[in-house]
N, C-alpha and C. Protein backbone atom coordinates (compact mmCIF):
# COMPACT_ATOMS: atom_id res chain seq x y z
N MET A 1 25.02 -37.68 26.13
CA MET A 1 25.51 -36.40 25.70
C MET A 1 24.39 -35.56 25.10
N LYS A 2 23.54 -36.19 24.23
CA LYS A 2 22.42 -35.47 23.65
C LYS A 2 21.43 -35.06 24.73
N THR A 3 21.27 -35.89 25.73
CA THR A 3 20.34 -35.59 26.81
C THR A 3 20.83 -34.39 27.60
N ASP A 4 22.13 -34.29 27.85
CA ASP A 4 22.68 -33.14 28.56
C ASP A 4 22.45 -31.86 27.78
N PHE A 5 22.61 -31.94 26.45
CA PHE A 5 22.40 -30.77 25.61
C PHE A 5 20.94 -30.33 25.65
N LYS A 6 20.01 -31.28 25.59
CA LYS A 6 18.58 -30.96 25.64
C LYS A 6 18.23 -30.32 26.97
N ILE A 7 18.80 -30.84 28.06
CA ILE A 7 18.51 -30.29 29.39
C ILE A 7 19.07 -28.87 29.48
N ALA A 8 20.29 -28.67 28.97
CA ALA A 8 20.91 -27.34 29.01
C ALA A 8 20.11 -26.35 28.17
N ALA A 9 19.66 -26.78 27.01
CA ALA A 9 18.87 -25.91 26.14
C ALA A 9 17.54 -25.58 26.79
N SER A 10 16.91 -26.55 27.42
CA SER A 10 15.63 -26.31 28.10
C SER A 10 15.81 -25.34 29.26
N LEU A 11 16.89 -25.52 30.01
CA LEU A 11 17.14 -24.62 31.14
C LEU A 11 17.43 -23.20 30.65
N SER A 12 18.14 -23.08 29.54
CA SER A 12 18.43 -21.75 28.97
C SER A 12 17.15 -21.06 28.55
N LEU A 13 16.27 -21.79 27.88
CA LEU A 13 14.99 -21.21 27.47
C LEU A 13 14.14 -20.84 28.67
N LEU A 14 14.16 -21.69 29.71
CA LEU A 14 13.40 -21.41 30.92
C LEU A 14 13.94 -20.17 31.62
N ALA A 15 15.27 -20.03 31.65
CA ALA A 15 15.88 -18.86 32.28
C ALA A 15 15.55 -17.59 31.49
N LEU A 16 15.57 -17.69 30.16
CA LEU A 16 15.23 -16.55 29.31
C LEU A 16 13.79 -16.13 29.52
N PHE A 17 12.90 -17.10 29.58
CA PHE A 17 11.50 -16.79 29.81
C PHE A 17 11.29 -16.16 31.18
N ALA A 18 11.94 -16.70 32.19
CA ALA A 18 11.79 -16.18 33.55
C ALA A 18 12.30 -14.75 33.64
N ALA A 19 13.37 -14.45 32.91
CA ALA A 19 13.94 -13.10 32.94
C ALA A 19 13.03 -12.10 32.23
N SER A 20 12.35 -12.53 31.20
CA SER A 20 11.51 -11.61 30.44
C SER A 20 10.08 -11.55 30.95
N ALA A 21 9.66 -12.48 31.76
CA ALA A 21 8.28 -12.52 32.25
C ALA A 21 7.90 -11.26 33.03
N PRO A 22 8.73 -10.75 33.94
CA PRO A 22 8.34 -9.53 34.64
C PRO A 22 8.15 -8.35 33.69
N ALA A 23 8.99 -8.27 32.66
CA ALA A 23 8.86 -7.17 31.70
C ALA A 23 7.56 -7.29 30.92
N ILE A 24 7.21 -8.51 30.55
CA ILE A 24 5.97 -8.72 29.82
C ILE A 24 4.78 -8.40 30.71
N ALA A 25 4.84 -8.84 31.94
CA ALA A 25 3.75 -8.58 32.88
C ALA A 25 3.63 -7.10 33.15
N GLY A 26 4.75 -6.40 33.19
CA GLY A 26 4.72 -4.96 33.45
C GLY A 26 4.07 -4.20 32.31
N ASP A 27 4.21 -4.71 31.09
CA ASP A 27 3.61 -4.03 29.95
C ASP A 27 2.11 -4.13 29.95
N THR A 28 1.57 -5.19 30.55
CA THR A 28 0.13 -5.37 30.52
C THR A 28 -0.54 -4.77 31.76
N ALA A 29 0.23 -4.23 32.66
CA ALA A 29 -0.35 -3.65 33.86
C ALA A 29 -1.14 -2.41 33.48
N ALA A 30 -2.10 -2.09 34.32
CA ALA A 30 -2.95 -0.93 34.04
C ALA A 30 -2.11 0.34 34.07
N ALA A 31 -2.08 1.01 32.96
CA ALA A 31 -1.34 2.27 32.84
C ALA A 31 -2.34 3.35 32.51
N PRO A 32 -2.05 4.57 32.89
CA PRO A 32 -2.98 5.64 32.55
C PRO A 32 -3.07 5.79 31.03
N THR A 33 -4.28 5.88 30.52
CA THR A 33 -4.47 5.98 29.07
C THR A 33 -4.64 7.44 28.68
N ALA A 34 -4.07 7.81 27.57
CA ALA A 34 -4.20 9.17 27.06
C ALA A 34 -5.58 9.29 26.41
N SER A 35 -6.16 10.47 26.50
CA SER A 35 -7.47 10.65 25.88
C SER A 35 -7.30 10.68 24.36
N VAL A 36 -8.17 9.99 23.67
CA VAL A 36 -8.12 9.89 22.22
C VAL A 36 -9.24 10.75 21.66
N LYS A 37 -8.88 11.66 20.74
CA LYS A 37 -9.88 12.51 20.12
C LYS A 37 -10.55 11.74 18.98
N VAL A 38 -11.84 11.63 19.04
CA VAL A 38 -12.59 10.91 18.02
C VAL A 38 -13.29 11.94 17.14
N ASN A 39 -12.98 11.88 15.83
CA ASN A 39 -13.62 12.79 14.89
C ASN A 39 -14.92 12.17 14.39
N LYS A 40 -15.92 13.00 14.26
CA LYS A 40 -17.18 12.52 13.71
C LYS A 40 -17.07 12.49 12.19
N ALA A 41 -17.78 11.58 11.58
CA ALA A 41 -17.78 11.47 10.13
C ALA A 41 -18.45 12.69 9.53
N ASN A 42 -17.86 13.22 8.46
CA ASN A 42 -18.40 14.39 7.77
C ASN A 42 -18.95 13.92 6.43
N TYR A 43 -20.19 13.47 6.45
CA TYR A 43 -20.80 12.91 5.25
C TYR A 43 -21.08 13.97 4.19
N GLU A 44 -21.33 15.21 4.60
CA GLU A 44 -21.58 16.27 3.62
C GLU A 44 -20.32 16.55 2.81
N LEU A 45 -19.18 16.59 3.47
CA LEU A 45 -17.93 16.80 2.76
C LEU A 45 -17.59 15.61 1.87
N ALA A 46 -17.82 14.42 2.35
CA ALA A 46 -17.54 13.23 1.56
C ALA A 46 -18.43 13.17 0.32
N ALA A 47 -19.65 13.66 0.42
CA ALA A 47 -20.57 13.64 -0.71
C ALA A 47 -20.09 14.54 -1.85
N ARG A 48 -19.26 15.53 -1.53
CA ARG A 48 -18.73 16.41 -2.58
C ARG A 48 -17.67 15.71 -3.43
N TRP A 49 -17.10 14.62 -2.95
CA TRP A 49 -15.99 13.97 -3.63
C TRP A 49 -16.34 12.56 -4.12
N THR A 50 -17.55 12.38 -4.60
CA THR A 50 -17.92 11.09 -5.16
C THR A 50 -17.24 10.93 -6.52
N ALA A 51 -17.17 9.72 -7.01
CA ALA A 51 -16.51 9.44 -8.29
C ALA A 51 -17.17 10.20 -9.43
N THR A 52 -18.47 10.33 -9.40
CA THR A 52 -19.19 11.04 -10.46
C THR A 52 -18.82 12.51 -10.48
N LYS A 53 -18.76 13.13 -9.31
CA LYS A 53 -18.45 14.56 -9.24
C LYS A 53 -16.99 14.83 -9.56
N VAL A 54 -16.10 13.97 -9.12
CA VAL A 54 -14.68 14.15 -9.43
C VAL A 54 -14.46 13.93 -10.93
N GLY A 55 -15.19 13.02 -11.53
CA GLY A 55 -15.08 12.76 -12.96
C GLY A 55 -15.41 13.97 -13.80
N LYS A 56 -16.22 14.88 -13.29
CA LYS A 56 -16.55 16.11 -14.02
C LYS A 56 -15.41 17.11 -13.96
N MET A 57 -14.51 16.97 -12.98
CA MET A 57 -13.39 17.89 -12.84
C MET A 57 -12.10 17.35 -13.44
N VAL A 58 -11.93 16.03 -13.41
CA VAL A 58 -10.71 15.40 -13.92
C VAL A 58 -11.04 14.71 -15.23
N PHE A 59 -10.34 15.10 -16.28
CA PHE A 59 -10.65 14.55 -17.60
C PHE A 59 -9.66 13.46 -17.97
N ASP A 60 -8.43 13.83 -18.24
CA ASP A 60 -7.40 12.87 -18.62
C ASP A 60 -6.36 12.80 -17.52
N THR A 61 -6.01 11.60 -17.12
CA THR A 61 -4.97 11.43 -16.12
C THR A 61 -3.76 10.70 -16.70
N ALA A 62 -3.84 10.32 -17.96
CA ALA A 62 -2.73 9.62 -18.60
C ALA A 62 -2.69 9.98 -20.08
N VAL A 63 -1.53 9.83 -20.66
CA VAL A 63 -1.35 10.08 -22.08
C VAL A 63 -1.11 8.75 -22.77
N THR A 64 -1.88 8.49 -23.81
CA THR A 64 -1.70 7.27 -24.59
C THR A 64 -1.07 7.66 -25.92
N PRO A 65 0.20 7.32 -26.14
CA PRO A 65 0.84 7.70 -27.40
C PRO A 65 0.35 6.85 -28.56
N HIS A 66 0.15 7.48 -29.68
CA HIS A 66 -0.23 6.80 -30.92
C HIS A 66 0.92 7.04 -31.90
N TRP A 67 1.78 6.04 -32.06
CA TRP A 67 2.99 6.20 -32.86
C TRP A 67 2.64 6.24 -34.34
N LEU A 68 3.30 7.14 -35.06
CA LEU A 68 3.11 7.26 -36.50
C LEU A 68 3.86 6.12 -37.18
N ASP A 69 3.37 5.73 -38.36
CA ASP A 69 3.99 4.61 -39.09
C ASP A 69 5.41 4.93 -39.52
N THR A 70 5.67 6.18 -39.83
CA THR A 70 7.01 6.56 -40.26
C THR A 70 7.65 7.44 -39.20
N GLY A 71 8.91 7.24 -38.95
CA GLY A 71 9.65 8.08 -38.00
C GLY A 71 9.41 7.68 -36.56
N ASP A 72 9.90 8.52 -35.68
CA ASP A 72 9.82 8.26 -34.24
C ASP A 72 8.86 9.22 -33.55
N ARG A 73 7.91 9.75 -34.26
CA ARG A 73 6.97 10.72 -33.68
C ARG A 73 5.67 10.03 -33.27
N PHE A 74 4.95 10.66 -32.35
CA PHE A 74 3.64 10.16 -31.95
C PHE A 74 2.73 11.34 -31.67
N TRP A 75 1.44 11.04 -31.65
CA TRP A 75 0.45 12.06 -31.28
C TRP A 75 -0.34 11.55 -30.10
N TYR A 76 -0.91 12.48 -29.37
CA TYR A 76 -1.80 12.12 -28.26
C TYR A 76 -2.83 13.22 -28.09
N SER A 77 -3.91 12.89 -27.43
CA SER A 77 -4.93 13.89 -27.13
C SER A 77 -4.97 14.09 -25.62
N PHE A 78 -5.36 15.30 -25.25
CA PHE A 78 -5.43 15.66 -23.84
C PHE A 78 -6.66 16.54 -23.66
N GLU A 79 -7.45 16.22 -22.66
CA GLU A 79 -8.68 16.97 -22.43
C GLU A 79 -8.62 17.66 -21.08
N ASN A 80 -9.03 18.92 -21.06
CA ASN A 80 -9.20 19.65 -19.80
C ASN A 80 -10.51 20.42 -19.88
N ASN A 81 -10.71 21.36 -18.97
CA ASN A 81 -11.99 22.07 -18.95
C ASN A 81 -12.17 23.00 -20.16
N LYS A 82 -11.13 23.21 -20.95
CA LYS A 82 -11.23 24.05 -22.15
C LYS A 82 -11.46 23.23 -23.41
N GLY A 83 -11.50 21.91 -23.28
CA GLY A 83 -11.75 21.04 -24.43
C GLY A 83 -10.62 20.08 -24.68
N ARG A 84 -10.76 19.31 -25.75
CA ARG A 84 -9.76 18.31 -26.12
C ARG A 84 -8.79 18.92 -27.12
N ARG A 85 -7.51 18.68 -26.89
CA ARG A 85 -6.45 19.16 -27.75
C ARG A 85 -5.63 17.97 -28.25
N PHE A 86 -5.08 18.09 -29.44
CA PHE A 86 -4.27 17.05 -30.04
C PHE A 86 -2.86 17.58 -30.25
N TYR A 87 -1.88 16.81 -29.81
CA TYR A 87 -0.49 17.23 -29.88
C TYR A 87 0.33 16.21 -30.68
N LEU A 88 1.35 16.73 -31.39
CA LEU A 88 2.31 15.90 -32.10
C LEU A 88 3.65 16.07 -31.39
N VAL A 89 4.26 14.94 -31.01
CA VAL A 89 5.50 14.96 -30.24
C VAL A 89 6.61 14.30 -31.05
N ASP A 90 7.77 14.97 -31.06
CA ASP A 90 8.97 14.40 -31.67
C ASP A 90 10.03 14.28 -30.57
N PRO A 91 10.16 13.10 -29.96
CA PRO A 91 11.10 12.94 -28.85
C PRO A 91 12.55 13.18 -29.26
N ALA A 92 12.91 12.85 -30.49
CA ALA A 92 14.30 13.02 -30.94
C ALA A 92 14.69 14.49 -30.93
N HIS A 93 13.75 15.36 -31.32
CA HIS A 93 14.02 16.81 -31.35
C HIS A 93 13.49 17.53 -30.11
N LYS A 94 12.87 16.76 -29.21
CA LYS A 94 12.31 17.31 -27.96
C LYS A 94 11.33 18.46 -28.23
N THR A 95 10.38 18.18 -29.14
CA THR A 95 9.37 19.18 -29.49
C THR A 95 7.97 18.61 -29.29
N LYS A 96 7.06 19.52 -29.03
CA LYS A 96 5.65 19.17 -28.91
C LYS A 96 4.87 20.32 -29.54
N ALA A 97 3.95 19.99 -30.43
CA ALA A 97 3.20 21.03 -31.14
C ALA A 97 1.71 20.70 -31.11
N LEU A 98 0.92 21.74 -30.89
CA LEU A 98 -0.54 21.60 -30.97
C LEU A 98 -0.89 21.42 -32.44
N VAL A 99 -1.59 20.35 -32.76
CA VAL A 99 -1.86 20.01 -34.16
C VAL A 99 -3.25 20.41 -34.58
N PHE A 100 -4.23 20.13 -33.73
CA PHE A 100 -5.61 20.29 -34.16
C PHE A 100 -6.45 20.72 -32.98
N ASP A 101 -7.34 21.66 -33.21
CA ASP A 101 -8.23 22.17 -32.17
C ASP A 101 -9.66 21.87 -32.61
N PRO A 102 -10.22 20.71 -32.23
CA PRO A 102 -11.53 20.29 -32.74
C PRO A 102 -12.68 21.25 -32.49
N PRO A 103 -12.83 21.88 -31.31
CA PRO A 103 -13.99 22.74 -31.13
C PRO A 103 -14.04 23.88 -32.16
N ASN A 104 -12.88 24.39 -32.55
CA ASN A 104 -12.85 25.46 -33.53
C ASN A 104 -12.62 24.94 -34.93
N SER A 105 -12.31 23.64 -35.05
CA SER A 105 -12.07 22.97 -36.33
C SER A 105 -11.07 23.72 -37.18
N ARG A 106 -9.99 24.11 -36.56
CA ARG A 106 -8.96 24.80 -37.32
C ARG A 106 -7.60 24.15 -37.04
N PRO A 107 -6.80 23.99 -38.07
CA PRO A 107 -5.43 23.49 -37.83
C PRO A 107 -4.61 24.59 -37.17
N CYS A 108 -3.64 24.18 -36.38
CA CYS A 108 -2.79 25.16 -35.69
C CYS A 108 -1.51 25.41 -36.44
């Protein structure tokens, strides 16, 4: 009985393979190929975007909160091309205030 099952299973797999073989062979036949456009490398453009040059344009990409010891408020600093600014945030009241402007050394 087990032998009959093995023979039937083998014949089924053989029939499946035979049925799919022409389709597989047809896929590998020589077909007309579409022309592929190859772009040349633009090293001058790539040189404009090195890590050093991008670092001069991008200052802060993340905010690191510094939680105050009392309450639920925190402060963070943010730098852009106009300088570094310090903000105080109160999430409970949904407020953000500029606290200190170091280049001018004046409280806000």
